């Protein structure tokens, strides 16, 4: 088998360096969550959220994501960590929604 390293949380020094250079970081981003397309201009709602395909990957959204929404596009990759404890698709959906940073949907914009 092939060993694959999962993405690691950013170190505090990396976060400080990003802030020094004007980058905004998502709060408490889990390894399964990634920006497919950054917001452009003034966001007027939450980003579009894309869920992985049957492979657990997001490659199918890379070309499409920049044109989906000016509010950006977040992607959720599949992982065994997300599957742990889920016995139904509804439980998995709850795990996906709980993964999303709450501060991105200002003013009560719905998560769809």
C-alpha atoms as a PDB file:
ATOM      1  CA  UNK A   1       0.000   0.000   0.000  1.00  0.00           C
ATOM      2  CA  UNK A   2       0.899   3.612  -0.412  1.00  0.00           C
ATOM      3  CA  UNK A   3       1.163   5.879   2.624  1.00  0.00           C
ATOM      4  CA  UNK A   4      -0.737   9.152   2.280  1.00  0.00           C
ATOM      5  CA  UNK A   5      -0.304  12.015   4.738  1.00  0.00           C
ATOM      6  CA  UNK A   6      -3.457  13.895   5.622  1.00  0.00           C
ATOM      7  CA  UNK A   7      -3.304  17.715   5.619  1.00  0.00           C
ATOM      8  CA  UNK A   8      -2.110  19.103   8.940  1.00  0.00           C
ATOM      9  CA  UNK A   9      -3.439  22.152  10.805  1.00  0.00           C
ATOM     10  CA  UNK A  10      -1.439  25.322  10.294  1.00  0.00           C
ATOM     11  CA  UNK A  11       1.170  26.112  12.905  1.00  0.00           C
ATOM     12  CA  UNK A  12       0.818  29.376  14.842  1.00  0.00           C
ATOM     13  CA  UNK A  13       3.954  30.721  13.147  1.00  0.00           C
ATOM     14  CA  UNK A  14       2.402  30.032   9.724  1.00  0.00           C
ATOM     15  CA  UNK A  15      -0.803  31.807  10.760  1.00  0.00           C
ATOM     16  CA  UNK A  16       1.203  34.821  11.968  1.00  0.00           C
ATOM     17  CA  UNK A  17       3.154  34.935   8.714  1.00  0.00           C
ATOM     18  CA  UNK A  18      -0.072  34.763   6.683  1.00  0.00           C
ATOM     19  CA  UNK A  19      -1.575  37.613   8.721  1.00  0.00           C
ATOM     20  CA  UNK A  20       1.590  39.689   8.224  1.00  0.00           C
ATOM     21  CA  UNK A  21       1.138  39.362   4.466  1.00  0.00           C
ATOM     22  CA  UNK A  22      -2.579  40.221   4.557  1.00  0.00           C
ATOM     23  CA  UNK A  23      -4.035  36.746   4.070  1.00  0.00           C
ATOM     24  CA  UNK A  24      -7.325  35.913   5.768  1.00  0.00           C
ATOM     25  CA  UNK A  25      -7.556  32.415   7.217  1.00  0.00           C
ATOM     26  CA  UNK A  26     -10.735  30.476   7.892  1.00  0.00           C
ATOM     27  CA  UNK A  27     -11.308  29.829  11.579  1.00  0.00           C
ATOM     28  CA  UNK A  28     -10.691  26.230  12.690  1.00  0.00           C
ATOM     29  CA  UNK A  29     -10.531  24.746   9.213  1.00  0.00           C
ATOM     30  CA  UNK A  30     -10.622  20.977   9.218  1.00  0.00           C
ATOM     31  CA  UNK A  31      -8.383  19.046   6.797  1.00  0.00           C
ATOM     32  CA  UNK A  32     -11.380  18.004   4.694  1.00  0.00           C
ATOM     33  CA  UNK A  33     -12.379  21.625   3.972  1.00  0.00           C
ATOM     34  CA  UNK A  34     -10.670  23.673   1.262  1.00  0.00           C
ATOM     35  CA  UNK A  35     -11.300  26.774  -0.817  1.00  0.00           C
ATOM     36  CA  UNK A  36     -11.903  25.766  -4.444  1.00  0.00           C
ATOM     37  CA  UNK A  37     -12.353  29.426  -5.402  1.00  0.00           C
ATOM     38  CA  UNK A  38     -11.778  32.473  -3.211  1.00  0.00           C
ATOM     39  CA  UNK A  39     -14.521  35.131  -2.934  1.00  0.00           C
ATOM     40  CA  UNK A  40     -14.190  37.905  -5.499  1.00  0.00           C
ATOM     41  CA  UNK A  41     -15.222  41.444  -4.679  1.00  0.00           C
ATOM     42  CA  UNK A  42     -17.857  42.190  -2.063  1.00  0.00           C
ATOM     43  CA  UNK A  43     -19.491  38.974  -0.841  1.00  0.00           C
ATOM     44  CA  UNK A  44     -23.263  39.262  -0.439  1.00  0.00           C
ATOM     45  CA  UNK A  45     -23.844  35.834   1.064  1.00  0.00           C
ATOM     46  CA  UNK A  46     -22.167  32.604   1.940  1.00  0.00           C
ATOM     47  CA  UNK A  47     -19.974  30.586  -0.388  1.00  0.00           C
ATOM     48  CA  UNK A  48     -21.198  27.661  -2.452  1.00  0.00           C
ATOM     49  CA  UNK A  49     -20.262  24.337  -0.857  1.00  0.00           C
ATOM     50  CA  UNK A  50     -19.303  21.380  -3.063  1.00  0.00           C
ATOM     51  CA  UNK A  51     -19.244  17.832  -1.723  1.00  0.00           C
ATOM     52  CA  UNK A  52     -16.732  15.269  -3.019  1.00  0.00           C
ATOM     53  CA  UNK A  53     -17.611  12.719  -5.685  1.00  0.00           C
ATOM     54  CA  UNK A  54     -17.469   8.928  -5.241  1.00  0.00           C
ATOM     55  CA  UNK A  55     -13.659   9.074  -5.068  1.00  0.00           C
ATOM     56  CA  UNK A  56     -13.747  11.381  -2.052  1.00  0.00           C
ATOM     57  CA  UNK A  57     -11.891  14.038  -4.046  1.00  0.00           C
ATOM     58  CA  UNK A  58     -12.831  17.456  -5.445  1.00  0.00           C
ATOM     59  CA  UNK A  59     -11.036  17.410  -8.800  1.00  0.00           C
ATOM     60  CA  UNK A  60     -14.314  17.551 -10.720  1.00  0.00           C
ATOM     61  CA  UNK A  61     -15.113  20.986  -9.261  1.00  0.00           C
ATOM     62  CA  UNK A  62     -11.771  22.729  -9.971  1.00  0.00           C
ATOM     63  CA  UNK A  63     -12.803  24.140 -13.377  1.00  0.00           C
ATOM     64  CA  UNK A  64     -16.398  24.877 -12.420  1.00  0.00           C
ATOM     65  CA  UNK A  65     -15.856  26.462  -8.993  1.00  0.00           C
ATOM     66  CA  UNK A  66     -14.529  29.887 -10.136  1.00  0.00           C
ATOM     67  CA  UNK A  67     -17.787  30.597 -11.997  1.00  0.00           C
ATOM     68  CA  UNK A  68     -20.264  29.215  -9.440  1.00  0.00           C
ATOM     69  CA  UNK A  69     -20.444  32.243  -7.159  1.00  0.00           C
ATOM     70  CA  UNK A  70     -18.665  35.544  -6.497  1.00  0.00           C
ATOM     71  CA  UNK A  71     -18.933  34.553  -2.809  1.00  0.00           C
ATOM     72  CA  UNK A  72     -16.388  31.783  -3.287  1.00  0.00           C
ATOM     73  CA  UNK A  73     -16.638  28.042  -3.324  1.00  0.00           C
ATOM     74  CA  UNK A  74     -15.695  25.671  -0.516  1.00  0.00           C
ATOM     75  CA  UNK A  75     -15.117  21.972  -1.038  1.00  0.00           C
ATOM     76  CA  UNK A  76     -15.457  19.070   1.371  1.00  0.00           C
ATOM     77  CA  UNK A  77     -13.207  16.063   0.713  1.00  0.00           C
ATOM     78  CA  UNK A  78     -14.211  12.622   1.882  1.00  0.00           C
ATOM     79  CA  UNK A  79     -12.318  11.045   4.785  1.00  0.00           C
ATOM     80  CA  UNK A  80     -12.588   8.135   7.157  1.00  0.00           C
ATOM     81  CA  UNK A  81     -12.607  10.664  10.004  1.00  0.00           C
ATOM     82  CA  UNK A  82     -15.893  12.088   8.718  1.00  0.00           C
ATOM     83  CA  UNK A  83     -17.353   8.616   8.227  1.00  0.00           C
ATOM     84  CA  UNK A  84     -16.541   7.467  11.775  1.00  0.00           C
ATOM     85  CA  UNK A  85     -19.746   6.997  13.748  1.00  0.00           C
ATOM     86  CA  UNK A  86     -22.042   7.678  10.770  1.00  0.00           C
ATOM     87  CA  UNK A  87     -24.522   4.894  10.135  1.00  0.00           C
ATOM     88  CA  UNK A  88     -26.857   6.793   7.791  1.00  0.00           C
ATOM     89  CA  UNK A  89     -26.511   9.349   5.022  1.00  0.00           C
ATOM     90  CA  UNK A  90     -28.374  11.816   7.267  1.00  0.00           C
ATOM     91  CA  UNK A  91     -25.705  11.462   9.976  1.00  0.00           C
ATOM     92  CA  UNK A  92     -23.019  12.038   7.359  1.00  0.00           C
ATOM     93  CA  UNK A  93     -24.834  15.160   6.141  1.00  0.00           C
ATOM     94  CA  UNK A  94     -24.891  16.485   9.718  1.00  0.00           C
ATOM     95  CA  UNK A  95     -21.128  15.836   9.987  1.00  0.00           C
ATOM     96  CA  UNK A  96     -20.584  17.809   6.762  1.00  0.00           C
ATOM     97  CA  UNK A  97     -22.629  20.798   7.952  1.00  0.00           C
ATOM     98  CA  UNK A  98     -20.839  20.805  11.321  1.00  0.00           C
ATOM     99  CA  UNK A  99     -17.534  20.962   9.446  1.00  0.00           C
ATOM    100  CA  UNK A 100     -18.379  24.354   7.911  1.00  0.00           C
ATOM    101  CA  UNK A 101     -17.082  27.536   9.611  1.00  0.00           C
ATOM    102  CA  UNK A 102     -20.095  29.367  11.018  1.00  0.00           C
ATOM    103  CA  UNK A 103     -18.758  32.898  10.420  1.00  0.00           C
ATOM    104  CA  UNK A 104     -18.975  32.625   6.631  1.00  0.00           C
ATOM    105  CA  UNK A 105     -22.765  32.886   6.508  1.00  0.00           C
ATOM    106  CA  UNK A 106     -23.417  36.355   7.833  1.00  0.00           C
ATOM    107  CA  UNK A 107     -26.878  37.683   8.508  1.00  0.00           C
ATOM    108  CA  UNK A 108     -28.482  34.258   8.702  1.00  0.00           C
ATOM    109  CA  UNK A 109     -27.805  33.314   5.094  1.00  0.00           C
ATOM    110  CA  UNK A 110     -28.856  29.660   4.697  1.00  0.00           C
ATOM    111  CA  UNK A 111     -26.398  26.834   4.202  1.00  0.00           C
ATOM    112  CA  UNK A 112     -27.601  25.054   1.046  1.00  0.00           C
END
